[in-house]
C-alpha cells in the first residue's frame, strides 16, 4: 500500500509516517516510480509506534524496543533497565491520573444534575 493509504488506515499523518521512516522505526520499499510502498505489517507497526509514543517513550527508546517485540531474546540488560524506568514513570502517571479522576468524581458528585 502507498503512504496515503497507510496514513488513512492508521489515522496517522503522512508527515509522521515519513518521520517514523527517517528515524528507522518504519520501513518501506520503493516502487519503480520511486513511491513508498508498505506491507500489511506496517499497519500494526504504526499502531504500536503511536501507542509507545503516547505512553511517553522517546523514538530512540522505541527504536530499541521494536526489535524485541518480535525477538525478545535480543533484549539487553541496558534496555531492560530503560524499560523498567519507563514502566515506573508510566505507573506514576497512572497514579496521578487516578488521583485526578477521584477529584473529578468528588466534584461531579456534588454538582447539580445535568439536564
PDB file of N, CA and C in Angstrom:
ATOM      1  N   UNK A   1       0.847  -1.173   0.000  1.00  0.00           N
ATOM      2  CA  UNK A   1       0.000   0.000   0.000  1.00  0.00           C
ATOM      3  C   UNK A   1       0.892   1.236   0.000  1.00  0.00           C
ATOM      4  N   UNK A   2       0.381   2.292  -0.521  1.00  0.00           N
ATOM      5  CA  UNK A   2       1.133   3.544  -0.560  1.00  0.00           C
ATOM      6  C   UNK A   2       0.963   4.313   0.734  1.00  0.00           C
ATOM      7  N   UNK A   3       1.758   5.335   0.892  1.00  0.00           N
ATOM      8  CA  UNK A   3       1.814   6.077   2.143  1.00  0.00           C
ATOM      9  C   UNK A   3       0.462   6.706   2.507  1.00  0.00           C
ATOM     10  N   UNK A   4      -0.276   7.184   1.517  1.00  0.00           N
ATOM     11  CA  UNK A   4      -1.583   7.789   1.793  1.00  0.00           C
ATOM     12  C   UNK A   4      -2.563   6.791   2.375  1.00  0.00           C
ATOM     13  N   UNK A   5      -2.554   5.573   1.855  1.00  0.00           N
ATOM     14  CA  UNK A   5      -3.441   4.535   2.388  1.00  0.00           C
ATOM     15  C   UNK A   5      -3.026   4.142   3.801  1.00  0.00           C
ATOM     16  N   UNK A   6      -1.717   4.016   4.030  1.00  0.00           N
ATOM     17  CA  UNK A   6      -1.242   3.686   5.372  1.00  0.00           C
ATOM     18  C   UNK A   6      -1.649   4.783   6.351  1.00  0.00           C
ATOM     19  N   UNK A   7      -1.522   6.021   5.936  1.00  0.00           N
ATOM     20  CA  UNK A   7      -1.918   7.146   6.789  1.00  0.00           C
ATOM     21  C   UNK A   7      -3.405   7.050   7.124  1.00  0.00           C
ATOM     22  N   UNK A   8      -4.217   6.772   6.132  1.00  0.00           N
ATOM     23  CA  UNK A   8      -5.662   6.679   6.340  1.00  0.00           C
ATOM     24  C   UNK A   8      -6.017   5.501   7.254  1.00  0.00           C
ATOM     25  N   UNK A   9      -5.403   4.376   7.024  1.00  0.00           N
ATOM     26  CA  UNK A   9      -5.727   3.171   7.800  1.00  0.00           C
ATOM     27  C   UNK A   9      -5.263   3.251   9.249  1.00  0.00           C
ATOM     28  N   UNK A  10      -4.263   4.069   9.518  1.00  0.00           N
ATOM     29  CA  UNK A  10      -3.725   4.163  10.876  1.00  0.00           C
ATOM     30  C   UNK A  10      -4.105   5.460  11.584  1.00  0.00           C
ATOM     31  N   UNK A  11      -4.725   6.383  10.864  1.00  0.00           N
ATOM     32  CA  UNK A  11      -5.062   7.665  11.464  1.00  0.00           C
ATOM     33  C   UNK A  11      -3.830   8.502  11.774  1.00  0.00           C
ATOM     34  N   UNK A  12      -2.789   8.305  10.982  1.00  0.00           N
ATOM     35  CA  UNK A  12      -1.510   8.980  11.182  1.00  0.00           C
ATOM     36  C   UNK A  12      -1.242   9.889   9.996  1.00  0.00           C
ATOM     37  N   UNK A  13      -0.648  11.012  10.226  1.00  0.00           N
ATOM     38  CA  UNK A  13      -0.353  11.907   9.110  1.00  0.00           C
ATOM     39  C   UNK A  13       0.778  11.334   8.248  1.00  0.00           C
ATOM     40  N   UNK A  14       0.758  11.700   6.992  1.00  0.00           N
ATOM     41  CA  UNK A  14       1.828  11.294   6.074  1.00  0.00           C
ATOM     42  C   UNK A  14       3.159  11.818   6.595  1.00  0.00           C
ATOM     43  N   UNK A  15       3.140  13.012   7.127  1.00  0.00           N
ATOM     44  CA  UNK A  15       4.366  13.606   7.668  1.00  0.00           C
ATOM     45  C   UNK A  15       4.931  12.746   8.800  1.00  0.00           C
ATOM     46  N   UNK A  16       4.064  12.273   9.690  1.00  0.00           N
ATOM     47  CA  UNK A  16       4.525  11.414  10.792  1.00  0.00           C
ATOM     48  C   UNK A  16       5.095  10.104  10.260  1.00  0.00           C
ATOM     49  N   UNK A  17       4.441   9.523   9.265  1.00  0.00           N
ATOM     50  CA  UNK A  17       4.943   8.270   8.689  1.00  0.00           C
ATOM     51  C   UNK A  17       6.328   8.472   8.092  1.00  0.00           C
ATOM     52  N   UNK A  18       6.524   9.584   7.423  1.00  0.00           N
ATOM     53  CA  UNK A  18       7.855   9.877   6.874  1.00  0.00           C
ATOM     54  C   UNK A  18       8.883  10.039   7.992  1.00  0.00           C
ATOM     55  N   UNK A  19       8.456  10.678   9.070  1.00  0.00           N
ATOM     56  CA  UNK A  19       9.346  10.854  10.226  1.00  0.00           C
ATOM     57  C   UNK A  19       9.698   9.498  10.833  1.00  0.00           C
ATOM     58  N   UNK A  20       8.707   8.620  11.013  1.00  0.00           N
ATOM     59  CA  UNK A  20       8.984   7.282  11.551  1.00  0.00           C
ATOM     60  C   UNK A  20       9.987   6.555  10.670  1.00  0.00           C
ATOM     61  N   UNK A  21       9.832   6.713   9.375  1.00  0.00           N
ATOM     62  CA  UNK A  21      10.756   6.057   8.446  1.00  0.00           C
ATOM     63  C   UNK A  21      12.160   6.671   8.557  1.00  0.00           C
ATOM     64  N   UNK A  22      12.213   7.977   8.648  1.00  0.00           N
ATOM     65  CA  UNK A  22      13.503   8.669   8.782  1.00  0.00           C
ATOM     66  C   UNK A  22      14.231   8.216  10.049  1.00  0.00           C
ATOM     67  N   UNK A  23      13.480   7.975  11.129  1.00  0.00           N
ATOM     68  CA  UNK A  23      14.063   7.540  12.404  1.00  0.00           C
ATOM     69  C   UNK A  23      14.373   6.040  12.416  1.00  0.00           C
ATOM     70  N   UNK A  24      13.998   5.321  11.356  1.00  0.00           N
ATOM     71  CA  UNK A  24      14.269   3.892  11.271  1.00  0.00           C
ATOM     72  C   UNK A  24      13.229   3.025  11.964  1.00  0.00           C
ATOM     73  N   UNK A  25      12.112   3.612  12.369  1.00  0.00           N
ATOM     74  CA  UNK A  25      11.062   2.870  13.060  1.00  0.00           C
ATOM     75  C   UNK A  25      10.152   2.126  12.094  1.00  0.00           C
ATOM     76  N   UNK A  26      10.113   2.571  10.864  1.00  0.00           N
ATOM     77  CA  UNK A  26       9.224   2.025   9.845  1.00  0.00           C
ATOM     78  C   UNK A  26      10.013   1.892   8.556  1.00  0.00           C
ATOM     79  N   UNK A  27       9.731   0.840   7.827  1.00  0.00           N
ATOM     80  CA  UNK A  27      10.451   0.611   6.573  1.00  0.00           C
ATOM     81  C   UNK A  27       9.475   0.476   5.412  1.00  0.00           C
ATOM     82  N   UNK A  28       9.928   0.911   4.269  1.00  0.00           N
ATOM     83  CA  UNK A  28       9.126   0.774   3.052  1.00  0.00           C
ATOM     84  C   UNK A  28      10.030   0.315   1.922  1.00  0.00           C
ATOM     85  N   UNK A  29       9.397  -0.188   0.912  1.00  0.00           N
ATOM     86  CA  UNK A  29      10.085  -0.489  -0.344  1.00  0.00           C
ATOM     87  C   UNK A  29       9.763   0.660  -1.286  1.00  0.00           C
ATOM     88  N   UNK A  30      10.515   0.773  -2.347  1.00  0.00           N
ATOM     89  CA  UNK A  30      10.244   1.811  -3.342  1.00  0.00           C
ATOM     90  C   UNK A  30       9.738   1.160  -4.615  1.00  0.00           C
ATOM     91  N   UNK A  31       8.696   1.750  -5.183  1.00  0.00           N
ATOM     92  CA  UNK A  31       8.148   1.261  -6.448  1.00  0.00           C
ATOM     93  C   UNK A  31       9.043   1.724  -7.592  1.00  0.00           C
ATOM     94  N   UNK A  32       8.752   1.258  -8.783  1.00  0.00           N
ATOM     95  CA  UNK A  32       9.538   1.687  -9.941  1.00  0.00           C
ATOM     96  C   UNK A  32       9.426   3.195 -10.153  1.00  0.00           C
ATOM     97  N   UNK A  33       8.322   3.777  -9.679  1.00  0.00           N
ATOM     98  CA  UNK A  33       8.144   5.224  -9.756  1.00  0.00           C
ATOM     99  C   UNK A  33       8.693   5.942  -8.532  1.00  0.00           C
ATOM    100  N   UNK A  34       9.474   5.230  -7.702  1.00  0.00           N
ATOM    101  CA  UNK A  34      10.118   5.754  -6.507  1.00  0.00           C
ATOM    102  C   UNK A  34       9.123   6.177  -5.415  1.00  0.00           C
ATOM    103  N   UNK A  35       7.937   5.570  -5.408  1.00  0.00           N
ATOM    104  CA  UNK A  35       6.962   5.852  -4.354  1.00  0.00           C
ATOM    105  C   UNK A  35       7.112   4.818  -3.249  1.00  0.00           C
ATOM    106  N   UNK A  36       6.868   5.257  -2.027  1.00  0.00           N
ATOM    107  CA  UNK A  36       6.937   4.339  -0.888  1.00  0.00           C
ATOM    108  C   UNK A  36       5.810   3.319  -0.988  1.00  0.00           C
ATOM    109  N   UNK A  37       6.140   2.066  -0.663  1.00  0.00           N
ATOM    110  CA  UNK A  37       5.138   1.009  -0.598  1.00  0.00           C
ATOM    111  C   UNK A  37       5.346   0.235   0.686  1.00  0.00           C
ATOM    112  N   UNK A  38       4.247   0.004   1.404  1.00  0.00           N
ATOM    113  CA  UNK A  38       4.291  -0.664   2.701  1.00  0.00           C
ATOM    114  C   UNK A  38       3.502  -1.963   2.630  1.00  0.00           C
ATOM    115  N   UNK A  39       3.918  -2.945   3.438  1.00  0.00           N
ATOM    116  CA  UNK A  39       3.163  -4.186   3.514  1.00  0.00           C
ATOM    117  C   UNK A  39       2.138  -4.080   4.646  1.00  0.00           C
ATOM    118  N   UNK A  40       1.325  -5.118   4.807  1.00  0.00           N
ATOM    119  CA  UNK A  40       0.268  -5.115   5.821  1.00  0.00           C
ATOM    120  C   UNK A  40       0.821  -4.999   7.244  1.00  0.00           C
ATOM    121  N   UNK A  41       1.999  -5.531   7.475  1.00  0.00           N
ATOM    122  CA  UNK A  41       2.605  -5.483   8.807  1.00  0.00           C
ATOM    123  C   UNK A  41       2.811  -4.039   9.255  1.00  0.00           C
ATOM    124  N   UNK A  42       2.965  -3.134   8.319  1.00  0.00           N
ATOM    125  CA  UNK A  42       3.204  -1.727   8.653  1.00  0.00           C
ATOM    126  C   UNK A  42       2.041  -1.124   9.438  1.00  0.00           C
ATOM    127  N   UNK A  43       0.821  -1.588   9.183  1.00  0.00           N
ATOM    128  CA  UNK A  43      -0.343  -1.043   9.890  1.00  0.00           C
ATOM    129  C   UNK A  43      -0.208  -1.292  11.392  1.00  0.00           C
ATOM    130  N   UNK A  44       0.060  -2.530  11.780  1.00  0.00           N
ATOM    131  CA  UNK A  44       0.222  -2.843  13.196  1.00  0.00           C
ATOM    132  C   UNK A  44       1.451  -2.166  13.791  1.00  0.00           C
ATOM    133  N   UNK A  45       2.501  -2.072  13.004  1.00  0.00           N
ATOM    134  CA  UNK A  45       3.728  -1.423  13.497  1.00  0.00           C
ATOM    135  C   UNK A  45       3.469   0.051  13.795  1.00  0.00           C
ATOM    136  N   UNK A  46       2.742   0.729  12.926  1.00  0.00           N
ATOM    137  CA  UNK A  46       2.425   2.142  13.155  1.00  0.00           C
ATOM    138  C   UNK A  46       1.558   2.286  14.406  1.00  0.00           C
ATOM    139  N   UNK A  47       0.576   1.391  14.570  1.00  0.00           N
ATOM    140  CA  UNK A  47      -0.250   1.441  15.784  1.00  0.00           C
ATOM    141  C   UNK A  47       0.613   1.263  17.033  1.00  0.00           C
ATOM    142  N   UNK A  48       1.560   0.345  16.988  1.00  0.00           N
ATOM    143  CA  UNK A  48       2.456   0.113  18.123  1.00  0.00           C
ATOM    144  C   UNK A  48       3.330   1.344  18.384  1.00  0.00           C
ATOM    145  N   UNK A  49       3.894   1.911  17.323  1.00  0.00           N
ATOM    146  CA  UNK A  49       4.724   3.111  17.459  1.00  0.00           C
ATOM    147  C   UNK A  49       3.919   4.229  18.117  1.00  0.00           C
ATOM    148  N   UNK A  50       2.712   4.444  17.634  1.00  0.00           N
ATOM    149  CA  UNK A  50       1.869   5.522  18.173  1.00  0.00           C
ATOM    150  C   UNK A  50       1.520   5.272  19.634  1.00  0.00           C
ATOM    151  N   UNK A  51       1.255   4.009  19.980  1.00  0.00           N
ATOM    152  CA  UNK A  51       0.937   3.678  21.376  1.00  0.00           C
ATOM    153  C   UNK A  51       2.138   3.940  22.282  1.00  0.00           C
ATOM    154  N   UNK A  52       3.314   3.547  21.822  1.00  0.00           N
ATOM    155  CA  UNK A  52       4.520   3.769  22.616  1.00  0.00           C
ATOM    156  C   UNK A  52       4.827   5.257  22.757  1.00  0.00           C
ATOM    157  N   UNK A  53       4.624   6.015  21.689  1.00  0.00           N
ATOM    158  CA  UNK A  53       4.809   7.471  21.764  1.00  0.00           C
ATOM    159  C   UNK A  53       3.806   8.091  22.734  1.00  0.00           C
ATOM    160  N   UNK A  54       2.552   7.640  22.663  1.00  0.00           N
ATOM    161  CA  UNK A  54       1.514   8.166  23.555  1.00  0.00           C
ATOM    162  C   UNK A  54       1.826   7.848  25.013  1.00  0.00           C
ATOM    163  N   UNK A  55       2.521   6.745  25.246  1.00  0.00           N
ATOM    164  CA  UNK A  55       2.917   6.374  26.612  1.00  0.00           C
ATOM    165  C   UNK A  55       4.116   7.181  27.079  1.00  0.00           C
ATOM    166  N   UNK A  56       4.684   7.996  26.194  1.00  0.00           N
ATOM    167  CA  UNK A  56       5.777   8.878  26.581  1.00  0.00           C
ATOM    168  C   UNK A  56       7.167   8.366  26.259  1.00  0.00           C
ATOM    169  N   UNK A  57       7.271   7.247  25.543  1.00  0.00           N
ATOM    170  CA  UNK A  57       8.594   6.746  25.178  1.00  0.00           C
ATOM    171  C   UNK A  57       9.174   7.593  24.054  1.00  0.00           C
ATOM    172  N   UNK A  58      10.466   7.787  24.075  1.00  0.00           N
ATOM    173  CA  UNK A  58      11.139   8.542  23.013  1.00  0.00           C
ATOM    174  C   UNK A  58      11.287   7.665  21.776  1.00  0.00           C
ATOM    175  N   UNK A  59      11.511   8.287  20.632  1.00  0.00           N
ATOM    176  CA  UNK A  59      11.726   7.496  19.415  1.00  0.00           C
ATOM    177  C   UNK A  59      12.994   6.669  19.533  1.00  0.00           C
ATOM    178  N   UNK A  60      13.965   7.155  20.282  1.00  0.00           N
ATOM    179  CA  UNK A  60      15.199   6.387  20.486  1.00  0.00           C
ATOM    180  C   UNK A  60      14.902   5.094  21.260  1.00  0.00           C
ATOM    181  N   UNK A  61      14.120   5.203  22.325  1.00  0.00           N
ATOM    182  CA  UNK A  61      13.753   4.011  23.101  1.00  0.00           C
ATOM    183  C   UNK A  61      12.881   3.084  22.266  1.00  0.00           C
ATOM    184  N   UNK A  62      11.954   3.649  21.509  1.00  0.00           N
ATOM    185  CA  UNK A  62      11.087   2.832  20.645  1.00  0.00           C
ATOM    186  C   UNK A  62      11.931   2.068  19.636  1.00  0.00           C
ATOM    187  N   UNK A  63      12.939   2.720  19.100  1.00  0.00           N
ATOM    188  CA  UNK A  63      13.836   2.056  18.150  1.00  0.00           C
ATOM    189  C   UNK A  63      14.508   0.847  18.802  1.00  0.00           C
ATOM    190  N   UNK A  64      14.823   0.951  20.078  1.00  0.00           N
ATOM    191  CA  UNK A  64      15.422  -0.173  20.806  1.00  0.00           C
ATOM    192  C   UNK A  64      14.392  -1.262  21.109  1.00  0.00           C
ATOM    193  N   UNK A  65      13.158  -0.865  21.375  1.00  0.00           N
ATOM    194  CA  UNK A  65      12.112  -1.802  21.791  1.00  0.00           C
ATOM    195  C   UNK A  65      11.560  -2.616  20.620  1.00  0.00           C
ATOM    196  N   UNK A  66      11.361  -1.991  19.490  1.00  0.00           N
ATOM    197  CA  UNK A  66      10.673  -2.658  18.372  1.00  0.00           C
ATOM    198  C   UNK A  66      11.281  -4.005  17.975  1.00  0.00           C
ATOM    199  N   UNK A  67      12.588  -4.126  17.860  1.00  0.00           N
ATOM    200  CA  UNK A  67      13.129  -5.447  17.507  1.00  0.00           C
ATOM    201  C   UNK A  67      12.823  -6.511  18.560  1.00  0.00           C
ATOM    202  N   UNK A  68      12.712  -6.099  19.813  1.00  0.00           N
ATOM    203  CA  UNK A  68      12.457  -7.038  20.911  1.00  0.00           C
ATOM    204  C   UNK A  68      11.025  -7.551  20.913  1.00  0.00           C
ATOM    205  N   UNK A  69      10.132  -6.829  20.246  1.00  0.00           N
ATOM    206  CA  UNK A  69       8.741  -7.271  20.177  1.00  0.00           C
ATOM    207  C   UNK A  69       8.648  -8.586  19.414  1.00  0.00           C
ATOM    208  N   UNK A  70       9.412  -8.698  18.332  1.00  0.00           N
ATOM    209  CA  UNK A  70       9.378  -9.929  17.540  1.00  0.00           C
ATOM    210  C   UNK A  70      10.428 -10.945  17.981  1.00  0.00           C
ATOM    211  N   UNK A  71      11.501 -10.464  18.621  1.00  0.00           N
ATOM    212  CA  UNK A  71      12.566 -11.360  19.078  1.00  0.00           C
ATOM    213  C   UNK A  71      13.007 -10.975  20.494  1.00  0.00           C
ATOM    214  N   UNK A  72      12.228 -11.385  21.512  1.00  0.00           N
ATOM    215  CA  UNK A  72      12.561 -10.984  22.890  1.00  0.00           C
ATOM    216  C   UNK A  72      13.964 -11.391  23.334  1.00  0.00           C
ATOM    217  N   UNK A  73      14.530 -12.412  22.739  1.00  0.00           N
ATOM    218  CA  UNK A  73      15.856 -12.888  23.155  1.00  0.00           C
ATOM    219  C   UNK A  73      16.962 -11.870  22.890  1.00  0.00           C
ATOM    220  N   UNK A  74      16.719 -10.874  22.039  1.00  0.00           N
ATOM    221  CA  UNK A  74      17.775  -9.912  21.736  1.00  0.00           C
ATOM    222  C   UNK A  74      17.815  -8.749  22.720  1.00  0.00           C
ATOM    223  N   UNK A  75      16.911  -8.754  23.689  1.00  0.00           N
ATOM    224  CA  UNK A  75      16.871  -7.675  24.668  1.00  0.00           C
ATOM    225  C   UNK A  75      18.150  -7.670  25.504  1.00  0.00           C
ATOM    226  N   UNK A  76      18.659  -6.493  25.772  1.00  0.00           N
ATOM    227  CA  UNK A  76      19.895  -6.344  26.539  1.00  0.00           C
ATOM    228  C   UNK A  76      19.583  -5.893  27.967  1.00  0.00           C
ATOM    229  N   UNK A  77      20.511  -6.092  28.894  1.00  0.00           N
ATOM    230  CA  UNK A  77      20.303  -5.588  30.262  1.00  0.00           C
ATOM    231  C   UNK A  77      20.075  -4.069  30.289  1.00  0.00           C
ATOM    232  N   UNK A  78      20.778  -3.329  29.434  1.00  0.00           N
ATOM    233  CA  UNK A  78      20.591  -1.864  29.376  1.00  0.00           C
ATOM    234  C   UNK A  78      19.162  -1.527  28.972  1.00  0.00           C
ATOM    235  N   UNK A  79      18.634  -2.227  27.966  1.00  0.00           N
ATOM    236  CA  UNK A  79      17.267  -1.969  27.531  1.00  0.00           C
ATOM    237  C   UNK A  79      16.282  -2.371  28.625  1.00  0.00           C
ATOM    238  N   UNK A  80      16.537  -3.469  29.296  1.00  0.00           N
ATOM    239  CA  UNK A  80      15.654  -3.888  30.390  1.00  0.00           C
ATOM    240  C   UNK A  80      15.594  -2.806  31.457  1.00  0.00           C
ATOM    241  N   UNK A  81      16.742  -2.231  31.823  1.00  0.00           N
ATOM    242  CA  UNK A  81      16.767  -1.138  32.801  1.00  0.00           C
ATOM    243  C   UNK A  81      15.941   0.043  32.296  1.00  0.00           C
ATOM    244  N   UNK A  82      16.134   0.404  31.042  1.00  0.00           N
ATOM    245  CA  UNK A  82      15.383   1.529  30.460  1.00  0.00           C
ATOM    246  C   UNK A  82      13.889   1.262  30.515  1.00  0.00           C
ATOM    247  N   UNK A  83      13.494   0.045  30.164  1.00  0.00           N
ATOM    248  CA  UNK A  83      12.070  -0.289  30.157  1.00  0.00           C
ATOM    249  C   UNK A  83      11.491  -0.317  31.572  1.00  0.00           C
ATOM    250  N   UNK A  84      12.264  -0.765  32.537  1.00  0.00           N
ATOM    251  CA  UNK A  84      11.806  -0.727  33.927  1.00  0.00           C
ATOM    252  C   UNK A  84      11.607   0.715  34.385  1.00  0.00           C
ATOM    253  N   UNK A  85      12.515   1.606  33.990  1.00  0.00           N
ATOM    254  CA  UNK A  85      12.368   3.027  34.319  1.00  0.00           C
ATOM    255  C   UNK A  85      11.134   3.614  33.641  1.00  0.00           C
ATOM    256  N   UNK A  86      10.915   3.254  32.384  1.00  0.00           N
ATOM    257  CA  UNK A  86       9.738   3.748  31.658  1.00  0.00           C
ATOM    258  C   UNK A  86       8.459   3.238  32.322  1.00  0.00           C
ATOM    259  N   UNK A  87       8.455   1.965  32.722  1.00  0.00           N
ATOM    260  CA  UNK A  87       7.273   1.411  33.378  1.00  0.00           C
ATOM    261  C   UNK A  87       7.010   2.126  34.699  1.00  0.00           C
ATOM    262  N   UNK A  88       8.044   2.422  35.466  1.00  0.00           N
ATOM    263  CA  UNK A  88       7.878   3.155  36.728  1.00  0.00           C
ATOM    264  C   UNK A  88       7.305   4.547  36.465  1.00  0.00           C
ATOM    265  N   UNK A  89       7.787   5.198  35.409  1.00  0.00           N
ATOM    266  CA  UNK A  89       7.266   6.526  35.056  1.00  0.00           C
ATOM    267  C   UNK A  89       5.793   6.428  34.683  1.00  0.00           C
ATOM    268  N   UNK A  90       5.431   5.413  33.894  1.00  0.00           N
ATOM    269  CA  UNK A  90       4.034   5.226  33.486  1.00  0.00           C
ATOM    270  C   UNK A  90       3.169   4.919  34.712  1.00  0.00           C
ATOM    271  N   UNK A  91       3.673   4.087  35.635  1.00  0.00           N
ATOM    272  CA  UNK A  91       2.927   3.804  36.865  1.00  0.00           C
ATOM    273  C   UNK A  91       2.658   5.079  37.645  1.00  0.00           C
ATOM    274  N   UNK A  92       3.655   5.963  37.730  1.00  0.00           N
ATOM    275  CA  UNK A  92       3.478   7.239  38.436  1.00  0.00           C
ATOM    276  C   UNK A  92       2.438   8.104  37.718  1.00  0.00           C
ATOM    277  N   UNK A  93       2.475   8.109  36.383  1.00  0.00           N
ATOM    278  CA  UNK A  93       1.474   8.864  35.614  1.00  0.00           C
ATOM    279  C   UNK A  93       0.069   8.320  35.873  1.00  0.00           C
ATOM    280  N   UNK A  94      -0.054   6.998  35.908  1.00  0.00           N
ATOM    281  CA  UNK A  94      -1.356   6.382  36.156  1.00  0.00           C
ATOM    282  C   UNK A  94      -1.870   6.769  37.538  1.00  0.00           C
ATOM    283  N   UNK A  95      -1.005   6.717  38.542  1.00  0.00           N
ATOM    284  CA  UNK A  95      -1.409   7.097  39.901  1.00  0.00           C
ATOM    285  C   UNK A  95      -1.869   8.552  39.942  1.00  0.00           C
ATOM    286  N   UNK A  96      -1.136   9.419  39.260  1.00  0.00           N
ATOM    287  CA  UNK A  96      -1.510  10.843  39.217  1.00  0.00           C
ATOM    288  C   UNK A  96      -2.862  11.013  38.535  1.00  0.00           C
ATOM    289  N   UNK A  97      -3.076  10.324  37.422  1.00  0.00           N
ATOM    290  CA  UNK A  97      -4.350  10.414  36.696  1.00  0.00           C
ATOM    291  C   UNK A  97      -5.509   9.844  37.515  1.00  0.00           C
ATOM    292  N   UNK A  98      -5.257   8.747  38.230  1.00  0.00           N
ATOM    293  CA  UNK A  98      -6.313   8.183  39.075  1.00  0.00           C
ATOM    294  C   UNK A  98      -6.697   9.163  40.181  1.00  0.00           C
ATOM    295  N   UNK A  99      -5.714   9.872  40.727  1.00  0.00           N
ATOM    296  CA  UNK A  99      -5.998  10.898  41.727  1.00  0.00           C
ATOM    297  C   UNK A  99      -6.851  12.016  41.143  1.00  0.00           C
ATOM    298  N   UNK A 100      -6.541  12.425  39.934  1.00  0.00           N
ATOM    299  CA  UNK A 100      -7.325  13.479  39.275  1.00  0.00           C
ATOM    300  C   UNK A 100      -8.750  12.989  39.008  1.00  0.00           C
ATOM    301  N   UNK A 101      -8.881  11.704  38.619  1.00  0.00           N
ATOM    302  CA  UNK A 101     -10.214  11.147  38.369  1.00  0.00           C
ATOM    303  C   UNK A 101     -11.028  11.139  39.663  1.00  0.00           C
ATOM    304  N   UNK A 102     -10.409  10.761  40.780  1.00  0.00           N
ATOM    305  CA  UNK A 102     -11.121  10.770  42.070  1.00  0.00           C
ATOM    306  C   UNK A 102     -11.571  12.185  42.427  1.00  0.00           C
ATOM    307  N   UNK A 103     -10.708  13.153  42.188  1.00  0.00           N
ATOM    308  CA  UNK A 103     -11.071  14.541  42.459  1.00  0.00           C
ATOM    309  C   UNK A 103     -12.270  14.961  41.608  1.00  0.00           C
ATOM    310  N   UNK A 104     -12.217  14.638  40.327  1.00  0.00           N
ATOM    311  CA  UNK A 104     -13.339  14.973  39.441  1.00  0.00           C
ATOM    312  C   UNK A 104     -14.620  14.250  39.859  1.00  0.00           C
ATOM    313  N   UNK A 105     -14.493  12.992  40.265  1.00  0.00           N
ATOM    314  CA  UNK A 105     -15.664  12.247  40.735  1.00  0.00           C
ATOM    315  C   UNK A 105     -16.298  12.946  41.931  1.00  0.00           C
ATOM    316  N   UNK A 106     -15.474  13.434  42.857  1.00  0.00           N
ATOM    317  CA  UNK A 106     -15.994  14.143  44.022  1.00  0.00           C
ATOM    318  C   UNK A 106     -16.712  15.419  43.611  1.00  0.00           C
ATOM    319  N   UNK A 107     -16.121  16.165  42.697  1.00  0.00           N
ATOM    320  CA  UNK A 107     -16.755  17.413  42.241  1.00  0.00           C
ATOM    321  C   UNK A 107     -18.059  17.111  41.506  1.00  0.00           C
ATOM    322  N   UNK A 108     -18.047  16.079  40.658  1.00  0.00           N
ATOM    323  CA  UNK A 108     -19.251  15.701  39.902  1.00  0.00           C
ATOM    324  C   UNK A 108     -20.349  15.252  40.854  1.00  0.00           C
ATOM    325  N   UNK A 109     -19.991  14.512  41.892  1.00  0.00           N
ATOM    326  CA  UNK A 109     -20.991  14.017  42.851  1.00  0.00           C
ATOM    327  C   UNK A 109     -21.694  15.174  43.569  1.00  0.00           C
ATOM    328  N   UNK A 110     -21.020  16.295  43.699  1.00  0.00           N
ATOM    329  CA  UNK A 110     -21.601  17.443  44.393  1.00  0.00           C
ATOM    330  C   UNK A 110     -22.305  18.404  43.445  1.00  0.00           C
ATOM    331  N   UNK A 111     -22.184  18.170  42.158  1.00  0.00           N
ATOM    332  CA  UNK A 111     -22.748  19.098  41.166  1.00  0.00           C
ATOM    333  C   UNK A 111     -24.247  18.842  40.980  1.00  0.00           C
ATOM    334  N   UNK A 112     -24.981  19.881  40.544  1.00  0.00           N
ATOM    335  CA  UNK A 112     -26.388  19.666  40.236  1.00  0.00           C
ATOM    336  C   UNK A 112     -26.521  18.739  39.026  1.00  0.00           C
ATOM    337  N   UNK A 113     -27.643  18.028  38.909  1.00  0.00           N
ATOM    338  CA  UNK A 113     -27.826  17.107  37.790  1.00  0.00           C
ATOM    339  C   UNK A 113     -27.782  17.825  36.434  1.00  0.00           C
ATOM    340  N   UNK A 114     -27.299  17.120  35.460  1.00  0.00           N
ATOM    341  CA  UNK A 114     -27.244  17.662  34.091  1.00  0.00           C
ATOM    342  C   UNK A 114     -28.567  17.361  33.404  1.00  0.00           C
ATOM    343  N   UNK A 115     -29.136  18.353  32.757  1.00  0.00           N
ATOM    344  CA  UNK A 115     -30.405  18.171  32.037  1.00  0.00           C
ATOM    345  C   UNK A 115     -30.237  18.192  30.557  1.00  0.00           C
TER     346      UNK A 115
END
